[in-house]
Structures are given as structure tokens and as C-alpha cells.
């Protein structure tokens, strides 16, 4: 009788261990399958409110989200669902835009690390009736600044400056009280800032 109880305990313990192992094996294989079709994207030094987009080669936005937490952004994307073609992730931060290109072909995703580009946006700051505009331009991209004043609902051009062949651009403008529109063109992009002082 003691032998029967002893063997029953061993068999019960073996069945329980087998059940736990089988249960864990099923969980791991299903999460592994899910991971095979997802591509992980990690972006460092993001701030809450930065924008992440996926765009096609024509610049059409296919996906867009606002980043919810400051720090490191991590997310998995099923990019194999996209039709064959060229695409890119775009991370729009406060003073820079990072472009991460990739290609989808026959449900295979290939990132083009050597074609990643970071473009720095002009930064506008106001203080004591002055507007300071700065831009980092490591690739010597030109910057055109045009300032318009709002007179009774119509914008009239006040200043226009163009900077070329500089890596660091900085300019200060003295503006009287009023409403202004500042248009900045650089790296094939246009940036607009409205000033009410």
C-alpha cells in the first residue's frame, strides 16, 4: 500500500511537471510566431508629443502617432503587410526630423541604414522684443527666412534673408509689438512660426 501511494505521488508529480512544460512551450511558440512578422523600432531621446509616421515613397502618410512618453520609444510593427515598395519611418522631434528608410519585397523588410538622414529644423525663440532664429546645418543646407507683419488681416513682407554655406546659422530680429508670420525654407521643407508680441 505504501508503494502504491509512493508511486502515485511520483506519477502525479510527473504529470504536473509535464503539464507545466507543455503549457510554457505553447506560450513560447505562439509569441515566437508573432515576433517573426513584427519589426521592432527603437528611437532614443524622444519627448512626449514628438510624432512618428510611416510614409510611402511619395510622402503619403500611412500611419501616424504621437509619442506618449519621454525617453526611449519601442514598438513592433508588422511591415510585411505593406505592398512591395519603398517606405520610411519619420520621427519629428522639436528641432530635428529623422528619416529611416526601408524596403518591403516579397514580405521581407530590409532597412537601409546607410540612407538614414537627420535634418535639423530652425529653432525660433522670443525674448524682450527680439526673435532669435538658429539652425544647425551640418550638410551646409541653405536657410531662407521671410518675416511678414500682419496689418489689418493682410501679411506684408518686412524682412527676407538667405544663408548659405554655413553649418551654424543664427540671426536676431527686433520686432515691434504686433502679429508676425515667419516662414523658413531649408532642406526642401517649409517651417512656419506665428509670433504675437
N, C-alpha and C. Protein backbone atom coordinates (compact mmCIF):
# COMPACT_ATOMS: atom_id res chain seq x y z
N UNK A 1 0.83 -1.19 0.00
CA UNK A 1 0.00 0.00 0.00
C UNK A 1 0.88 1.25 0.00
N UNK A 2 1.99 1.22 0.79
CA UNK A 2 2.88 2.35 0.82
C UNK A 2 3.51 2.56 -0.55
N UNK A 3 3.84 1.47 -1.23
CA UNK A 3 4.44 1.57 -2.56
C UNK A 3 3.47 2.18 -3.56
N UNK A 4 2.19 1.85 -3.48
CA UNK A 4 1.17 2.39 -4.39
C UNK A 4 1.06 3.89 -4.18
N UNK A 5 1.00 4.34 -2.93
CA UNK A 5 0.89 5.77 -2.64
C UNK A 5 2.16 6.49 -3.11
N UNK A 6 3.32 5.86 -2.87
CA UNK A 6 4.59 6.46 -3.25
C UNK A 6 4.67 6.61 -4.78
N UNK A 7 4.27 5.57 -5.52
CA UNK A 7 4.30 5.61 -6.99
C UNK A 7 3.24 6.58 -7.53
N UNK A 8 2.10 6.65 -6.86
CA UNK A 8 1.04 7.58 -7.28
C UNK A 8 1.51 9.02 -7.15
N UNK A 9 2.23 9.32 -6.06
CA UNK A 9 2.76 10.67 -5.88
C UNK A 9 3.76 11.01 -6.99
N UNK A 10 4.63 10.06 -7.33
CA UNK A 10 5.63 10.29 -8.38
C UNK A 10 4.96 10.51 -9.73
N UNK A 11 3.95 9.71 -10.02
CA UNK A 11 3.24 9.84 -11.30
C UNK A 11 2.50 11.18 -11.36
N UNK A 12 1.85 11.55 -10.25
CA UNK A 12 1.13 12.82 -10.20
C UNK A 12 2.10 14.00 -10.38
N UNK A 13 3.24 13.94 -9.73
CA UNK A 13 4.25 14.98 -9.85
C UNK A 13 4.77 15.07 -11.29
N UNK A 14 5.01 13.91 -11.91
CA UNK A 14 5.49 13.89 -13.30
C UNK A 14 4.45 14.47 -14.25
N UNK A 15 3.17 14.15 -14.04
CA UNK A 15 2.09 14.68 -14.89
C UNK A 15 1.99 16.20 -14.74
N UNK A 16 2.09 16.70 -13.48
CA UNK A 16 2.03 18.14 -13.26
C UNK A 16 3.20 18.86 -13.93
N UNK A 17 4.40 18.29 -13.81
CA UNK A 17 5.57 18.91 -14.44
C UNK A 17 5.42 18.90 -15.96
N UNK A 18 4.92 17.83 -16.52
CA UNK A 18 4.72 17.73 -17.96
C UNK A 18 3.68 18.76 -18.42
N UNK A 19 2.62 18.93 -17.64
CA UNK A 19 1.58 19.91 -17.98
C UNK A 19 2.14 21.34 -17.98
N UNK A 20 2.98 21.64 -16.98
CA UNK A 20 3.59 22.96 -16.91
C UNK A 20 4.52 23.18 -18.10
N UNK A 21 5.34 22.17 -18.43
CA UNK A 21 6.26 22.28 -19.56
C UNK A 21 5.51 22.45 -20.88
N UNK A 22 4.46 21.68 -21.10
CA UNK A 22 3.67 21.79 -22.32
C UNK A 22 2.99 23.16 -22.40
N UNK A 23 2.47 23.63 -21.30
CA UNK A 23 1.82 24.94 -21.26
C UNK A 23 2.80 26.06 -21.61
N UNK A 24 3.99 26.01 -21.02
CA UNK A 24 5.01 27.02 -21.32
C UNK A 24 5.50 26.91 -22.76
N UNK A 25 5.63 25.71 -23.27
CA UNK A 25 6.08 25.52 -24.64
C UNK A 25 5.09 26.13 -25.61
N UNK A 26 3.80 25.96 -25.38
CA UNK A 26 2.79 26.54 -26.26
C UNK A 26 2.88 28.06 -26.23
N UNK A 27 3.04 28.66 -25.06
CA UNK A 27 3.12 30.11 -24.95
C UNK A 27 4.34 30.65 -25.70
N UNK A 28 5.48 30.00 -25.54
CA UNK A 28 6.69 30.49 -26.18
C UNK A 28 6.60 30.37 -27.69
N UNK A 29 6.05 29.26 -28.21
CA UNK A 29 5.99 29.11 -29.66
C UNK A 29 5.02 30.10 -30.27
N UNK A 30 3.91 30.43 -29.60
CA UNK A 30 2.97 31.38 -30.18
C UNK A 30 3.54 32.79 -30.14
N UNK A 31 4.27 33.17 -29.08
CA UNK A 31 4.85 34.50 -29.04
C UNK A 31 6.01 34.59 -30.03
N UNK A 32 6.70 33.49 -30.28
CA UNK A 32 7.77 33.48 -31.26
C UNK A 32 7.19 33.71 -32.65
N UNK A 33 6.07 33.08 -32.96
CA UNK A 33 5.43 33.27 -34.26
C UNK A 33 5.04 34.73 -34.44
N UNK A 34 4.46 35.33 -33.43
CA UNK A 34 4.06 36.73 -33.53
C UNK A 34 5.28 37.61 -33.75
N UNK A 35 6.39 37.31 -33.09
CA UNK A 35 7.59 38.11 -33.21
C UNK A 35 8.24 38.02 -34.58
N UNK A 36 8.01 36.91 -35.30
CA UNK A 36 8.64 36.74 -36.60
C UNK A 36 8.13 37.74 -37.63
N UNK A 37 6.88 38.16 -37.54
CA UNK A 37 6.34 39.08 -38.54
C UNK A 37 6.45 40.53 -38.11
N UNK A 38 6.87 40.78 -36.89
CA UNK A 38 6.98 42.16 -36.42
C UNK A 38 8.41 42.66 -36.51
N UNK A 39 8.52 43.94 -36.82
CA UNK A 39 9.80 44.60 -36.87
C UNK A 39 9.85 45.58 -35.71
N UNK A 40 10.87 45.46 -34.89
CA UNK A 40 10.99 46.34 -33.72
C UNK A 40 11.67 47.64 -34.12
N UNK A 41 11.09 48.74 -33.68
CA UNK A 41 11.67 50.06 -33.90
C UNK A 41 12.00 50.65 -32.54
N UNK A 42 13.24 51.10 -32.39
CA UNK A 42 13.67 51.76 -31.16
C UNK A 42 14.23 53.12 -31.52
N UNK A 43 13.70 54.17 -30.89
CA UNK A 43 14.18 55.53 -31.11
C UNK A 43 14.53 56.12 -29.75
N UNK A 44 15.73 56.65 -29.64
CA UNK A 44 16.20 57.19 -28.37
C UNK A 44 15.97 58.71 -28.30
N UNK A 45 15.94 59.22 -27.09
CA UNK A 45 15.84 60.66 -26.82
C UNK A 45 14.61 61.31 -27.45
N UNK A 46 13.46 60.67 -27.27
CA UNK A 46 12.22 61.28 -27.74
C UNK A 46 11.55 62.00 -26.57
N UNK A 47 10.65 62.92 -26.91
CA UNK A 47 9.89 63.62 -25.89
C UNK A 47 8.41 63.39 -26.13
N UNK A 48 7.66 63.48 -25.08
CA UNK A 48 6.21 63.37 -25.19
C UNK A 48 5.72 64.42 -26.18
N UNK A 49 4.92 63.98 -27.16
CA UNK A 49 4.39 64.88 -28.17
C UNK A 49 5.12 64.83 -29.49
N UNK A 50 6.33 64.21 -29.53
CA UNK A 50 7.00 64.02 -30.82
C UNK A 50 6.12 63.13 -31.69
N UNK A 51 6.26 63.25 -33.00
CA UNK A 51 5.41 62.49 -33.92
C UNK A 51 6.21 61.41 -34.63
N UNK A 52 5.61 60.22 -34.76
CA UNK A 52 6.18 59.12 -35.51
C UNK A 52 5.23 58.81 -36.66
N UNK A 53 5.78 58.71 -37.87
CA UNK A 53 4.96 58.41 -39.04
C UNK A 53 5.62 57.33 -39.87
N UNK A 54 4.80 56.61 -40.63
CA UNK A 54 5.29 55.74 -41.69
C UNK A 54 4.74 56.33 -42.97
N UNK A 55 5.65 56.58 -43.94
CA UNK A 55 5.24 57.19 -45.21
C UNK A 55 5.73 56.35 -46.37
N UNK A 56 5.01 56.46 -47.50
CA UNK A 56 5.46 55.76 -48.69
C UNK A 56 6.45 56.63 -49.46
N UNK A 57 6.94 56.14 -50.58
CA UNK A 57 7.97 56.86 -51.33
C UNK A 57 7.49 58.19 -51.89
N UNK A 58 6.16 58.40 -51.95
CA UNK A 58 5.61 59.67 -52.42
C UNK A 58 5.34 60.64 -51.28
N UNK A 59 5.66 60.25 -50.05
CA UNK A 59 5.44 61.11 -48.90
C UNK A 59 4.04 61.02 -48.31
N UNK A 60 3.23 60.06 -48.79
CA UNK A 60 1.88 59.87 -48.27
C UNK A 60 1.97 59.18 -46.91
N UNK A 61 1.32 59.76 -45.91
CA UNK A 61 1.36 59.21 -44.55
C UNK A 61 0.42 58.01 -44.44
N UNK A 62 0.99 56.85 -44.08
CA UNK A 62 0.22 55.61 -43.91
C UNK A 62 -0.13 55.35 -42.46
N UNK A 63 0.68 55.88 -41.56
CA UNK A 63 0.49 55.67 -40.13
C UNK A 63 1.09 56.86 -39.40
N UNK A 64 0.42 57.28 -38.31
CA UNK A 64 0.93 58.42 -37.55
C UNK A 64 0.51 58.26 -36.10
N UNK A 65 1.43 58.55 -35.19
CA UNK A 65 1.10 58.53 -33.78
C UNK A 65 1.93 59.57 -33.04
N UNK A 66 1.35 60.06 -31.97
CA UNK A 66 2.04 60.99 -31.08
C UNK A 66 2.69 60.17 -29.98
N UNK A 67 3.97 60.39 -29.73
CA UNK A 67 4.70 59.64 -28.71
C UNK A 67 4.22 60.09 -27.34
N UNK A 68 3.92 59.12 -26.48
CA UNK A 68 3.27 59.40 -25.21
C UNK A 68 4.22 59.60 -24.03
N UNK A 69 5.46 59.10 -24.14
CA UNK A 69 6.38 59.19 -23.01
C UNK A 69 7.75 59.69 -23.45
N UNK A 70 8.38 60.48 -22.61
CA UNK A 70 9.74 60.96 -22.85
C UNK A 70 10.73 59.84 -22.53
N UNK A 71 11.78 59.72 -23.35
CA UNK A 71 12.80 58.69 -23.11
C UNK A 71 13.08 57.89 -24.36
N UNK A 72 12.90 56.57 -24.27
CA UNK A 72 13.15 55.66 -25.38
C UNK A 72 11.82 55.11 -25.87
N UNK A 73 11.59 55.20 -27.18
CA UNK A 73 10.36 54.69 -27.81
C UNK A 73 10.67 53.32 -28.40
N UNK A 74 9.85 52.32 -28.05
CA UNK A 74 10.00 50.97 -28.60
C UNK A 74 8.63 50.47 -29.01
N UNK A 75 8.57 49.91 -30.22
CA UNK A 75 7.30 49.35 -30.69
C UNK A 75 7.57 48.39 -31.82
N UNK A 76 6.72 47.34 -31.91
CA UNK A 76 6.81 46.38 -33.01
C UNK A 76 5.78 46.71 -34.08
N UNK A 77 6.19 46.63 -35.34
CA UNK A 77 5.32 46.91 -36.47
C UNK A 77 5.32 45.71 -37.41
N UNK A 78 4.15 45.35 -37.94
CA UNK A 78 4.06 44.30 -38.96
C UNK A 78 4.16 44.98 -40.32
N UNK A 79 5.37 45.20 -40.77
CA UNK A 79 5.61 45.89 -42.03
C UNK A 79 5.44 44.97 -43.23
N UNK A 80 5.38 43.66 -43.00
CA UNK A 80 5.21 42.71 -44.11
C UNK A 80 3.83 42.83 -44.74
N UNK A 81 2.90 43.46 -44.05
CA UNK A 81 1.54 43.64 -44.60
C UNK A 81 1.51 44.72 -45.68
N UNK A 82 2.58 45.53 -45.77
CA UNK A 82 2.64 46.59 -46.78
C UNK A 82 2.93 45.99 -48.16
N UNK A 83 2.39 46.59 -49.22
CA UNK A 83 2.74 46.13 -50.57
C UNK A 83 4.22 46.35 -50.85
N UNK A 84 4.78 45.61 -51.78
CA UNK A 84 6.18 45.78 -52.13
C UNK A 84 6.44 47.24 -52.52
N UNK A 85 7.55 47.79 -52.02
CA UNK A 85 7.89 49.18 -52.34
C UNK A 85 8.83 49.77 -51.33
N UNK A 86 9.09 51.06 -51.50
CA UNK A 86 9.99 51.81 -50.61
C UNK A 86 9.18 52.67 -49.65
N UNK A 87 9.59 52.68 -48.40
CA UNK A 87 8.89 53.40 -47.33
C UNK A 87 9.91 54.02 -46.40
N UNK A 88 9.43 54.82 -45.45
CA UNK A 88 10.32 55.32 -44.42
C UNK A 88 9.54 55.68 -43.16
N UNK A 89 10.23 55.46 -42.02
CA UNK A 89 9.76 55.99 -40.75
C UNK A 89 10.24 57.43 -40.68
N UNK A 90 9.41 58.31 -40.12
CA UNK A 90 9.83 59.69 -39.89
C UNK A 90 9.54 60.03 -38.44
N UNK A 91 10.57 60.44 -37.73
CA UNK A 91 10.44 60.85 -36.33
C UNK A 91 10.62 62.36 -36.29
N UNK A 92 9.54 63.06 -35.97
CA UNK A 92 9.53 64.52 -35.98
C UNK A 92 9.66 65.02 -34.55
N UNK A 93 10.89 65.47 -34.22
CA UNK A 93 11.18 65.98 -32.88
C UNK A 93 11.12 67.50 -32.90
N UNK A 94 11.40 68.11 -31.76
CA UNK A 94 11.31 69.56 -31.63
C UNK A 94 12.24 70.30 -32.60
N UNK A 95 13.50 69.88 -32.69
CA UNK A 95 14.42 70.59 -33.58
C UNK A 95 15.05 69.70 -34.65
N UNK A 96 14.57 68.47 -34.80
CA UNK A 96 15.11 67.63 -35.86
C UNK A 96 14.05 66.67 -36.38
N UNK A 97 14.28 66.23 -37.62
CA UNK A 97 13.43 65.23 -38.25
C UNK A 97 14.34 64.11 -38.72
N UNK A 98 14.10 62.89 -38.22
CA UNK A 98 14.92 61.75 -38.61
C UNK A 98 14.12 60.87 -39.55
N UNK A 99 14.75 60.46 -40.66
CA UNK A 99 14.11 59.62 -41.65
C UNK A 99 14.85 58.28 -41.69
N UNK A 100 14.08 57.18 -41.54
CA UNK A 100 14.65 55.83 -41.51
C UNK A 100 14.02 55.04 -42.66
N UNK A 101 14.71 54.91 -43.81
CA UNK A 101 14.11 54.25 -44.97
C UNK A 101 14.17 52.72 -44.88
N UNK A 102 13.19 52.08 -45.50
CA UNK A 102 13.17 50.62 -45.59
C UNK A 102 12.42 50.20 -46.85
N UNK A 103 12.66 48.95 -47.26
CA UNK A 103 12.02 48.40 -48.45
C UNK A 103 11.28 47.13 -48.05
N UNK A 104 10.11 46.93 -48.64
CA UNK A 104 9.36 45.69 -48.47
C UNK A 104 9.34 44.99 -49.82
N UNK A 105 9.79 43.74 -49.85
CA UNK A 105 9.78 42.95 -51.08
C UNK A 105 9.51 41.50 -50.72
N UNK A 106 8.44 40.96 -51.27
CA UNK A 106 8.05 39.56 -51.03
C UNK A 106 7.96 39.27 -49.54
N UNK A 107 7.28 40.15 -48.80
CA UNK A 107 7.07 40.03 -47.35
C UNK A 107 8.37 40.05 -46.54
N UNK A 108 9.44 40.59 -47.13
CA UNK A 108 10.71 40.74 -46.43
C UNK A 108 10.99 42.24 -46.27
N UNK A 109 11.38 42.62 -45.07
CA UNK A 109 11.66 44.03 -44.78
C UNK A 109 13.16 44.22 -44.64
N UNK A 110 13.70 45.20 -45.39
CA UNK A 110 15.13 45.49 -45.33
C UNK A 110 15.30 46.98 -45.03
N UNK A 111 15.98 47.29 -43.92
CA UNK A 111 16.26 48.68 -43.56
C UNK A 111 17.51 49.15 -44.27
N UNK A 112 17.50 50.40 -44.72
CA UNK A 112 18.63 50.99 -45.44
C UNK A 112 19.37 51.93 -44.48
N UNK A 113 20.19 51.34 -43.60
CA UNK A 113 20.89 52.11 -42.55
C UNK A 113 21.76 53.21 -43.14
N UNK A 114 22.40 52.94 -44.28
CA UNK A 114 23.30 53.94 -44.87
C UNK A 114 22.55 55.12 -45.48
N UNK A 115 21.22 55.04 -45.59
CA UNK A 115 20.43 56.13 -46.16
C UNK A 115 19.63 56.90 -45.10
N UNK A 116 19.84 56.59 -43.82
CA UNK A 116 19.16 57.34 -42.75
C UNK A 116 19.63 58.79 -42.79
N UNK A 117 18.69 59.71 -42.58
CA UNK A 117 19.00 61.14 -42.66
C UNK A 117 18.39 61.85 -41.46
N UNK A 118 19.16 62.78 -40.88
CA UNK A 118 18.64 63.65 -39.83
C UNK A 118 18.75 65.09 -40.33
N UNK A 119 17.61 65.76 -40.37
CA UNK A 119 17.55 67.15 -40.80
C UNK A 119 17.19 67.99 -39.58
N UNK A 120 17.94 69.07 -39.38
CA UNK A 120 17.68 69.94 -38.24
C UNK A 120 16.75 71.07 -38.65
N UNK A 121 15.71 71.29 -37.85
CA UNK A 121 14.75 72.35 -38.12
C UNK A 121 15.26 73.66 -37.53
N UNK A 122 14.82 74.78 -38.10
CA UNK A 122 15.15 76.06 -37.48
C UNK A 122 14.46 76.16 -36.11
N UNK A 123 15.15 76.78 -35.16
CA UNK A 123 14.60 76.96 -33.82
C UNK A 123 14.35 78.44 -33.61
N UNK A 124 13.12 78.78 -33.19
CA UNK A 124 12.72 80.17 -33.00
C UNK A 124 12.46 80.42 -31.53
N UNK A 125 13.07 81.50 -31.00
CA UNK A 125 12.89 81.86 -29.60
C UNK A 125 12.66 83.37 -29.51
N UNK A 126 11.74 83.75 -28.62
CA UNK A 126 11.42 85.17 -28.42
C UNK A 126 11.92 85.62 -27.05
N UNK A 127 12.47 86.85 -27.00
CA UNK A 127 12.88 87.41 -25.71
C UNK A 127 13.03 88.93 -25.84
N UNK A 128 12.34 89.67 -24.98
CA UNK A 128 12.47 91.12 -24.87
C UNK A 128 12.29 91.84 -26.22
N UNK A 129 11.31 91.43 -27.00
CA UNK A 129 11.04 92.09 -28.28
C UNK A 129 11.93 91.63 -29.41
N UNK A 130 12.82 90.68 -29.16
CA UNK A 130 13.68 90.12 -30.20
C UNK A 130 13.22 88.70 -30.53
N UNK A 131 13.41 88.34 -31.79
CA UNK A 131 13.18 86.96 -32.23
C UNK A 131 14.53 86.41 -32.68
N UNK A 132 14.95 85.31 -32.06
CA UNK A 132 16.21 84.67 -32.39
C UNK A 132 15.91 83.39 -33.19
N UNK A 133 16.56 83.26 -34.34
CA UNK A 133 16.38 82.08 -35.18
C UNK A 133 17.74 81.42 -35.34
N UNK A 134 17.82 80.13 -34.98
CA UNK A 134 19.06 79.38 -35.12
C UNK A 134 18.78 78.07 -35.84
N UNK A 135 19.80 77.57 -36.53
CA UNK A 135 19.66 76.28 -37.22
C UNK A 135 21.02 75.64 -37.35
N UNK A 136 21.08 74.36 -37.01
CA UNK A 136 22.28 73.56 -37.23
C UNK A 136 22.17 72.96 -38.63
N UNK A 137 23.22 73.10 -39.42
CA UNK A 137 23.18 72.64 -40.81
C UNK A 137 24.49 71.94 -41.16
N UNK A 138 24.71 70.72 -40.65
CA UNK A 138 25.99 70.04 -40.89
C UNK A 138 26.27 69.76 -42.37
N UNK A 139 25.21 69.69 -43.18
CA UNK A 139 25.39 69.43 -44.61
C UNK A 139 25.39 70.73 -45.44
N UNK A 140 25.54 71.88 -44.76
CA UNK A 140 25.60 73.19 -45.40
C UNK A 140 24.33 73.55 -46.18
N UNK A 141 23.19 73.04 -45.76
CA UNK A 141 21.93 73.39 -46.43
C UNK A 141 21.62 74.86 -46.20
N UNK A 142 21.07 75.49 -47.22
CA UNK A 142 20.75 76.91 -47.11
C UNK A 142 19.50 77.10 -46.25
N UNK A 143 19.33 78.31 -45.75
CA UNK A 143 18.14 78.67 -44.98
C UNK A 143 17.66 80.02 -45.46
N UNK A 144 16.39 80.08 -45.85
CA UNK A 144 15.77 81.35 -46.25
C UNK A 144 14.75 81.71 -45.18
N UNK A 145 14.85 82.93 -44.65
CA UNK A 145 13.93 83.41 -43.62
C UNK A 145 13.16 84.60 -44.20
N UNK A 146 11.84 84.53 -44.13
CA UNK A 146 11.00 85.64 -44.56
C UNK A 146 10.04 85.97 -43.42
N UNK A 147 10.03 87.24 -43.02
CA UNK A 147 9.15 87.67 -41.91
C UNK A 147 8.08 88.59 -42.48
N UNK A 148 6.83 88.25 -42.16
CA UNK A 148 5.68 89.03 -42.60
C UNK A 148 5.00 89.65 -41.37
N UNK A 149 4.56 90.89 -41.51
CA UNK A 149 3.80 91.55 -40.44
C UNK A 149 2.33 91.53 -40.83
N UNK A 150 1.47 91.34 -39.85
CA UNK A 150 0.03 91.32 -40.08
C UNK A 150 -0.53 92.72 -39.84
N UNK A 151 -0.93 93.37 -40.94
CA UNK A 151 -1.56 94.69 -40.86
C UNK A 151 -3.01 94.57 -41.29
N UNK A 152 -3.92 94.62 -40.32
CA UNK A 152 -5.36 94.54 -40.59
C UNK A 152 -5.75 93.31 -41.40
N UNK A 153 -5.18 92.18 -41.06
CA UNK A 153 -5.54 90.91 -41.71
C UNK A 153 -4.72 90.57 -42.94
N UNK A 154 -3.89 91.50 -43.43
CA UNK A 154 -3.03 91.24 -44.59
C UNK A 154 -1.58 91.14 -44.14
N UNK A 155 -0.89 90.12 -44.62
CA UNK A 155 0.53 89.96 -44.29
C UNK A 155 1.38 90.67 -45.33
N UNK A 156 2.28 91.54 -44.85
CA UNK A 156 3.23 92.24 -45.72
C UNK A 156 4.64 91.85 -45.31
N UNK A 157 5.49 91.61 -46.33
CA UNK A 157 6.86 91.19 -46.05
C UNK A 157 7.67 92.33 -45.44
N UNK A 158 8.35 92.03 -44.32
CA UNK A 158 9.22 93.00 -43.67
C UNK A 158 10.69 92.74 -43.96
N UNK A 159 11.10 91.47 -43.79
CA UNK A 159 12.50 91.09 -43.95
C UNK A 159 12.57 89.80 -44.76
N UNK A 160 13.68 89.65 -45.48
CA UNK A 160 13.97 88.39 -46.15
C UNK A 160 15.48 88.21 -46.16
N UNK A 161 15.94 87.10 -45.62
CA UNK A 161 17.37 86.80 -45.57
C UNK A 161 17.60 85.38 -46.07
N UNK A 162 18.76 85.17 -46.70
CA UNK A 162 19.14 83.82 -47.12
C UNK A 162 20.57 83.56 -46.66
N UNK A 163 20.76 82.40 -46.03
CA UNK A 163 22.07 82.00 -45.51
C UNK A 163 22.52 80.74 -46.24
N UNK A 164 23.77 80.75 -46.73
CA UNK A 164 24.30 79.61 -47.46
C UNK A 164 25.71 79.28 -46.98
N UNK A 165 26.10 78.02 -47.19
CA UNK A 165 27.46 77.55 -46.89
C UNK A 165 27.88 77.77 -45.44
N UNK A 166 26.92 77.60 -44.53
CA UNK A 166 27.20 77.70 -43.09
C UNK A 166 26.72 76.42 -42.41
N UNK A 167 27.44 75.99 -41.38
CA UNK A 167 26.98 74.85 -40.60
C UNK A 167 26.16 75.28 -39.40
N UNK A 168 26.39 76.48 -38.92
CA UNK A 168 25.60 77.03 -37.81
C UNK A 168 25.07 78.38 -38.24
N UNK A 169 23.76 78.51 -38.21
CA UNK A 169 23.11 79.75 -38.64
C UNK A 169 22.44 80.37 -37.43
N UNK A 170 22.62 81.67 -37.27
CA UNK A 170 21.98 82.40 -36.18
C UNK A 170 21.67 83.82 -36.59
N UNK A 171 20.47 84.27 -36.31
CA UNK A 171 20.06 85.62 -36.68
C UNK A 171 19.06 86.13 -35.64
N UNK A 172 19.16 87.43 -35.30
CA UNK A 172 18.22 88.05 -34.36
C UNK A 172 17.50 89.18 -35.08
N UNK A 173 16.20 89.29 -34.83
CA UNK A 173 15.38 90.35 -35.41
C UNK A 173 14.68 91.09 -34.29
N UNK A 174 14.66 92.42 -34.39
CA UNK A 174 13.91 93.27 -33.45
C UNK A 174 12.53 93.50 -34.06
N UNK A 175 11.49 93.09 -33.33
CA UNK A 175 10.13 93.24 -33.83
C UNK A 175 9.33 94.11 -32.86
N UNK A 176 8.62 95.08 -33.42
CA UNK A 176 7.73 95.92 -32.62
C UNK A 176 6.53 95.07 -32.19
N UNK A 177 5.70 95.60 -31.31
CA UNK A 177 4.50 94.88 -30.91
C UNK A 177 3.63 94.63 -32.13
N UNK A 178 3.07 93.44 -32.19
CA UNK A 178 2.20 93.11 -33.32
C UNK A 178 2.17 91.62 -33.57
N UNK A 179 1.58 91.25 -34.69
CA UNK A 179 1.45 89.86 -35.10
C UNK A 179 2.32 89.61 -36.33
N UNK A 180 3.08 88.52 -36.29
CA UNK A 180 4.02 88.23 -37.36
C UNK A 180 3.92 86.77 -37.78
N UNK A 181 4.29 86.55 -39.03
CA UNK A 181 4.41 85.18 -39.56
C UNK A 181 5.83 85.04 -40.08
N UNK A 182 6.54 84.02 -39.59
CA UNK A 182 7.91 83.77 -40.02
C UNK A 182 7.91 82.48 -40.84
N UNK A 183 8.37 82.57 -42.08
CA UNK A 183 8.45 81.42 -42.98
C UNK A 183 9.92 81.10 -43.19
N UNK A 184 10.30 79.85 -42.91
CA UNK A 184 11.69 79.41 -43.04
C UNK A 184 11.74 78.22 -43.99
N UNK A 185 12.58 78.31 -45.02
CA UNK A 185 12.72 77.23 -46.00
C UNK A 185 14.13 76.67 -45.94
N UNK A 186 14.23 75.35 -45.76
CA UNK A 186 15.52 74.68 -45.72
C UNK A 186 15.31 73.18 -45.92
N UNK A 187 16.29 72.52 -46.56
CA UNK A 187 16.24 71.06 -46.77
C UNK A 187 14.94 70.63 -47.44
N UNK A 188 14.46 71.41 -48.40
CA UNK A 188 13.21 71.11 -49.13
C UNK A 188 11.99 71.06 -48.23
N UNK A 189 12.05 71.74 -47.10
CA UNK A 189 10.91 71.81 -46.17
C UNK A 189 10.61 73.27 -45.86
N UNK A 190 9.35 73.51 -45.52
CA UNK A 190 8.94 74.86 -45.11
C UNK A 190 8.44 74.78 -43.68
N UNK A 191 8.91 75.70 -42.85
CA UNK A 191 8.53 75.78 -41.45
C UNK A 191 7.91 77.16 -41.22
N UNK A 192 6.77 77.19 -40.52
CA UNK A 192 6.07 78.45 -40.28
C UNK A 192 5.90 78.63 -38.79
N UNK A 193 6.19 79.84 -38.33
CA UNK A 193 6.02 80.18 -36.91
C UNK A 193 5.28 81.51 -36.83
N UNK A 194 4.24 81.55 -35.98
CA UNK A 194 3.49 82.79 -35.77
C UNK A 194 3.93 83.41 -34.45
N UNK A 195 4.14 84.72 -34.46
CA UNK A 195 4.57 85.46 -33.28
C UNK A 195 3.54 86.51 -32.97
N UNK A 196 3.09 86.54 -31.72
CA UNK A 196 2.18 87.59 -31.24
C UNK A 196 2.84 88.23 -30.04
N UNK A 197 3.35 89.45 -30.21
CA UNK A 197 4.01 90.10 -29.07
C UNK A 197 3.46 91.50 -28.84
